[in-house]
Amino acid sequence: MKEILNFHYNKGVQEVSPAHTAIRHWVFTEEEHAEATLAQAMAVVAEKNGVSANDLTHLFPAVLRMLKSEIEWSK
């Protein structure tokens, strides 16, 4: 089974990041597992369709805004 999320702890606080190499530096909070999973899925589809990691940094927040998300990533 392929890993889709990586979990790290920074000063006792869980941080979640997608496993995809293009966005593995994106960090989400422990309450944002669903958003991190969405980012992972979007990165996989983007890669298959030739969308760059740079484009994904603009597309992902736009999708979150369309979903009416209030997390920091949507701003």
N, C-alpha and C. Protein backbone atom coordinates (compact mmCIF):
# COMPACT_ATOMS: atom_id res chain seq x y z
N MET A 1 0.84 -1.18 0.00
CA MET A 1 0.00 0.00 0.00
C MET A 1 0.89 1.25 0.00
N LYS A 2 0.59 2.17 -0.86
CA LYS A 2 1.38 3.38 -0.98
C LYS A 2 0.92 4.40 0.06
N GLU A 3 1.90 5.02 0.70
CA GLU A 3 1.59 6.04 1.69
C GLU A 3 1.03 7.28 0.99
N ILE A 4 0.01 7.89 1.59
CA ILE A 4 -0.51 9.11 1.00
C ILE A 4 -0.28 10.31 1.91
N LEU A 5 -0.09 10.08 3.20
CA LEU A 5 0.18 11.16 4.14
C LEU A 5 1.38 10.80 5.00
N ASN A 6 2.13 11.82 5.36
CA ASN A 6 3.23 11.65 6.30
C ASN A 6 2.89 12.44 7.56
N PHE A 7 3.24 11.88 8.70
CA PHE A 7 2.95 12.52 9.98
C PHE A 7 4.25 12.84 10.69
N HIS A 8 4.35 14.06 11.19
CA HIS A 8 5.52 14.53 11.91
C HIS A 8 5.04 15.23 13.16
N TYR A 9 5.92 15.38 14.11
CA TYR A 9 5.59 16.12 15.33
C TYR A 9 6.59 17.24 15.50
N ASN A 10 6.08 18.43 15.72
CA ASN A 10 6.90 19.61 15.93
C ASN A 10 6.52 20.19 17.28
N LYS A 11 7.39 20.04 18.26
CA LYS A 11 7.13 20.52 19.63
C LYS A 11 5.85 19.91 20.18
N GLY A 12 5.64 18.63 19.92
CA GLY A 12 4.48 17.91 20.43
C GLY A 12 3.20 18.10 19.65
N VAL A 13 3.24 18.87 18.57
CA VAL A 13 2.05 19.13 17.76
C VAL A 13 2.18 18.34 16.46
N GLN A 14 1.13 17.59 16.15
CA GLN A 14 1.15 16.78 14.93
C GLN A 14 1.04 17.67 13.70
N GLU A 15 1.90 17.40 12.72
CA GLU A 15 1.84 18.05 11.42
C GLU A 15 1.65 16.95 10.38
N VAL A 16 0.82 17.23 9.39
CA VAL A 16 0.50 16.26 8.35
C VAL A 16 0.95 16.83 7.01
N SER A 17 1.58 16.00 6.19
CA SER A 17 1.96 16.45 4.86
C SER A 17 1.66 15.35 3.85
N PRO A 18 1.28 15.74 2.63
CA PRO A 18 1.06 14.75 1.57
C PRO A 18 2.37 14.05 1.23
N ALA A 19 2.29 12.82 0.78
CA ALA A 19 3.48 12.04 0.45
C ALA A 19 4.00 12.31 -0.96
N HIS A 20 3.19 12.89 -1.82
CA HIS A 20 3.60 13.13 -3.20
C HIS A 20 4.82 14.05 -3.21
N THR A 21 5.81 13.70 -4.01
CA THR A 21 7.08 14.43 -4.01
C THR A 21 6.93 15.91 -4.39
N ALA A 22 5.96 16.24 -5.21
CA ALA A 22 5.79 17.63 -5.64
C ALA A 22 5.28 18.54 -4.52
N ILE A 23 4.59 17.96 -3.54
CA ILE A 23 3.97 18.79 -2.49
C ILE A 23 4.27 18.28 -1.09
N ARG A 24 5.26 17.45 -0.93
CA ARG A 24 5.53 16.88 0.39
C ARG A 24 5.96 17.92 1.41
N HIS A 25 6.32 19.11 0.96
CA HIS A 25 6.69 20.18 1.88
C HIS A 25 5.47 20.97 2.38
N TRP A 26 4.29 20.70 1.85
CA TRP A 26 3.08 21.36 2.33
C TRP A 26 2.73 20.78 3.69
N VAL A 27 2.46 21.63 4.66
CA VAL A 27 2.20 21.18 6.03
C VAL A 27 0.79 21.57 6.44
N PHE A 28 0.07 20.60 6.96
CA PHE A 28 -1.29 20.78 7.44
C PHE A 28 -1.33 20.47 8.94
N THR A 29 -2.35 20.95 9.62
CA THR A 29 -2.50 20.66 11.05
C THR A 29 -3.14 19.29 11.23
N GLU A 30 -3.16 18.83 12.47
CA GLU A 30 -3.74 17.51 12.74
C GLU A 30 -5.25 17.48 12.47
N GLU A 31 -5.91 18.62 12.44
CA GLU A 31 -7.34 18.67 12.13
C GLU A 31 -7.61 18.72 10.63
N GLU A 32 -6.56 18.81 9.82
CA GLU A 32 -6.72 18.98 8.38
C GLU A 32 -6.31 17.74 7.57
N HIS A 33 -6.53 16.55 8.12
CA HIS A 33 -6.18 15.31 7.40
C HIS A 33 -6.92 15.22 6.07
N ALA A 34 -8.20 15.59 6.06
CA ALA A 34 -8.99 15.50 4.83
C ALA A 34 -8.43 16.42 3.74
N GLU A 35 -8.03 17.62 4.14
CA GLU A 35 -7.47 18.57 3.18
C GLU A 35 -6.11 18.08 2.66
N ALA A 36 -5.31 17.49 3.53
CA ALA A 36 -4.02 16.93 3.10
C ALA A 36 -4.23 15.77 2.13
N THR A 37 -5.25 14.97 2.38
CA THR A 37 -5.58 13.86 1.49
C THR A 37 -6.05 14.38 0.13
N LEU A 38 -6.84 15.45 0.16
CA LEU A 38 -7.29 16.08 -1.09
C LEU A 38 -6.09 16.62 -1.87
N ALA A 39 -5.16 17.26 -1.19
CA ALA A 39 -3.96 17.78 -1.85
C ALA A 39 -3.17 16.65 -2.49
N GLN A 40 -3.05 15.53 -1.79
CA GLN A 40 -2.33 14.36 -2.32
C GLN A 40 -3.01 13.87 -3.60
N ALA A 41 -4.33 13.72 -3.55
CA ALA A 41 -5.08 13.23 -4.71
C ALA A 41 -4.95 14.20 -5.89
N MET A 42 -5.03 15.49 -5.60
CA MET A 42 -4.89 16.48 -6.67
C MET A 42 -3.49 16.44 -7.28
N ALA A 43 -2.47 16.21 -6.47
CA ALA A 43 -1.10 16.14 -6.98
C ALA A 43 -0.92 14.94 -7.91
N VAL A 44 -1.53 13.82 -7.55
CA VAL A 44 -1.44 12.62 -8.39
C VAL A 44 -2.11 12.87 -9.74
N VAL A 45 -3.31 13.43 -9.73
CA VAL A 45 -4.03 13.71 -10.97
C VAL A 45 -3.31 14.79 -11.78
N ALA A 46 -2.82 15.81 -11.10
CA ALA A 46 -2.09 16.89 -11.78
C ALA A 46 -0.86 16.35 -12.51
N GLU A 47 -0.13 15.48 -11.83
CA GLU A 47 1.07 14.89 -12.45
C GLU A 47 0.71 14.09 -13.70
N LYS A 48 -0.37 13.32 -13.63
CA LYS A 48 -0.80 12.52 -14.78
C LYS A 48 -1.18 13.39 -15.97
N ASN A 49 -1.61 14.62 -15.68
CA ASN A 49 -2.10 15.51 -16.74
C ASN A 49 -1.15 16.64 -17.08
N GLY A 50 0.07 16.57 -16.57
CA GLY A 50 1.08 17.56 -16.93
C GLY A 50 0.95 18.90 -16.25
N VAL A 51 0.21 18.98 -15.16
CA VAL A 51 0.07 20.22 -14.41
C VAL A 51 1.26 20.33 -13.46
N SER A 52 1.89 21.48 -13.43
CA SER A 52 3.10 21.65 -12.62
C SER A 52 2.75 21.85 -11.13
N ALA A 53 3.75 21.63 -10.29
CA ALA A 53 3.59 21.85 -8.85
C ALA A 53 3.28 23.31 -8.58
N ASN A 54 3.87 24.21 -9.37
CA ASN A 54 3.60 25.63 -9.22
C ASN A 54 2.13 25.94 -9.50
N ASP A 55 1.58 25.37 -10.56
CA ASP A 55 0.16 25.57 -10.86
C ASP A 55 -0.71 25.01 -9.75
N LEU A 56 -0.29 23.91 -9.18
CA LEU A 56 -1.06 23.28 -8.10
C LEU A 56 -1.12 24.18 -6.86
N THR A 57 -0.08 24.97 -6.63
CA THR A 57 -0.10 25.87 -5.47
C THR A 57 -1.17 26.95 -5.61
N HIS A 58 -1.59 27.23 -6.84
CA HIS A 58 -2.67 28.19 -7.07
C HIS A 58 -4.02 27.49 -7.16
N LEU A 59 -4.02 26.31 -7.74
CA LEU A 59 -5.27 25.57 -7.93
C LEU A 59 -5.84 25.05 -6.62
N PHE A 60 -4.99 24.52 -5.73
CA PHE A 60 -5.48 23.93 -4.49
C PHE A 60 -6.23 24.94 -3.61
N PRO A 61 -5.69 26.12 -3.35
CA PRO A 61 -6.47 27.09 -2.56
C PRO A 61 -7.78 27.49 -3.23
N ALA A 62 -7.77 27.57 -4.56
CA ALA A 62 -9.00 27.91 -5.28
C ALA A 62 -10.07 26.85 -5.07
N VAL A 63 -9.68 25.59 -5.11
CA VAL A 63 -10.62 24.50 -4.87
C VAL A 63 -11.17 24.59 -3.45
N LEU A 64 -10.29 24.85 -2.48
CA LEU A 64 -10.75 24.98 -1.09
C LEU A 64 -11.75 26.12 -0.95
N ARG A 65 -11.50 27.23 -1.62
CA ARG A 65 -12.45 28.36 -1.56
C ARG A 65 -13.79 27.97 -2.18
N MET A 66 -13.76 27.22 -3.28
CA MET A 66 -15.01 26.75 -3.91
C MET A 66 -15.76 25.83 -2.97
N LEU A 67 -15.04 25.11 -2.13
CA LEU A 67 -15.66 24.21 -1.16
C LEU A 67 -16.05 24.94 0.13
N LYS A 68 -15.86 26.24 0.14
CA LYS A 68 -16.19 27.11 1.27
C LYS A 68 -15.38 26.78 2.52
N SER A 69 -14.16 26.35 2.32
CA SER A 69 -13.26 26.03 3.43
C SER A 69 -12.77 27.32 4.08
N GLU A 70 -12.60 27.27 5.38
CA GLU A 70 -12.12 28.42 6.13
C GLU A 70 -10.70 28.23 6.65
N ILE A 71 -10.02 27.15 6.24
CA ILE A 71 -8.67 26.91 6.76
C ILE A 71 -7.68 27.89 6.12
N GLU A 72 -6.52 27.99 6.73
CA GLU A 72 -5.49 28.92 6.27
C GLU A 72 -5.11 28.68 4.81
N TRP A 73 -5.09 27.43 4.38
CA TRP A 73 -4.73 27.10 3.00
C TRP A 73 -5.67 27.72 1.97
N SER A 74 -6.87 28.06 2.35
CA SER A 74 -7.85 28.59 1.38
C SER A 74 -7.69 30.09 1.17
N LYS A 75 -6.83 30.71 1.93
CA LYS A 75 -6.69 32.18 1.85
C LYS A 75 -5.60 32.59 0.91
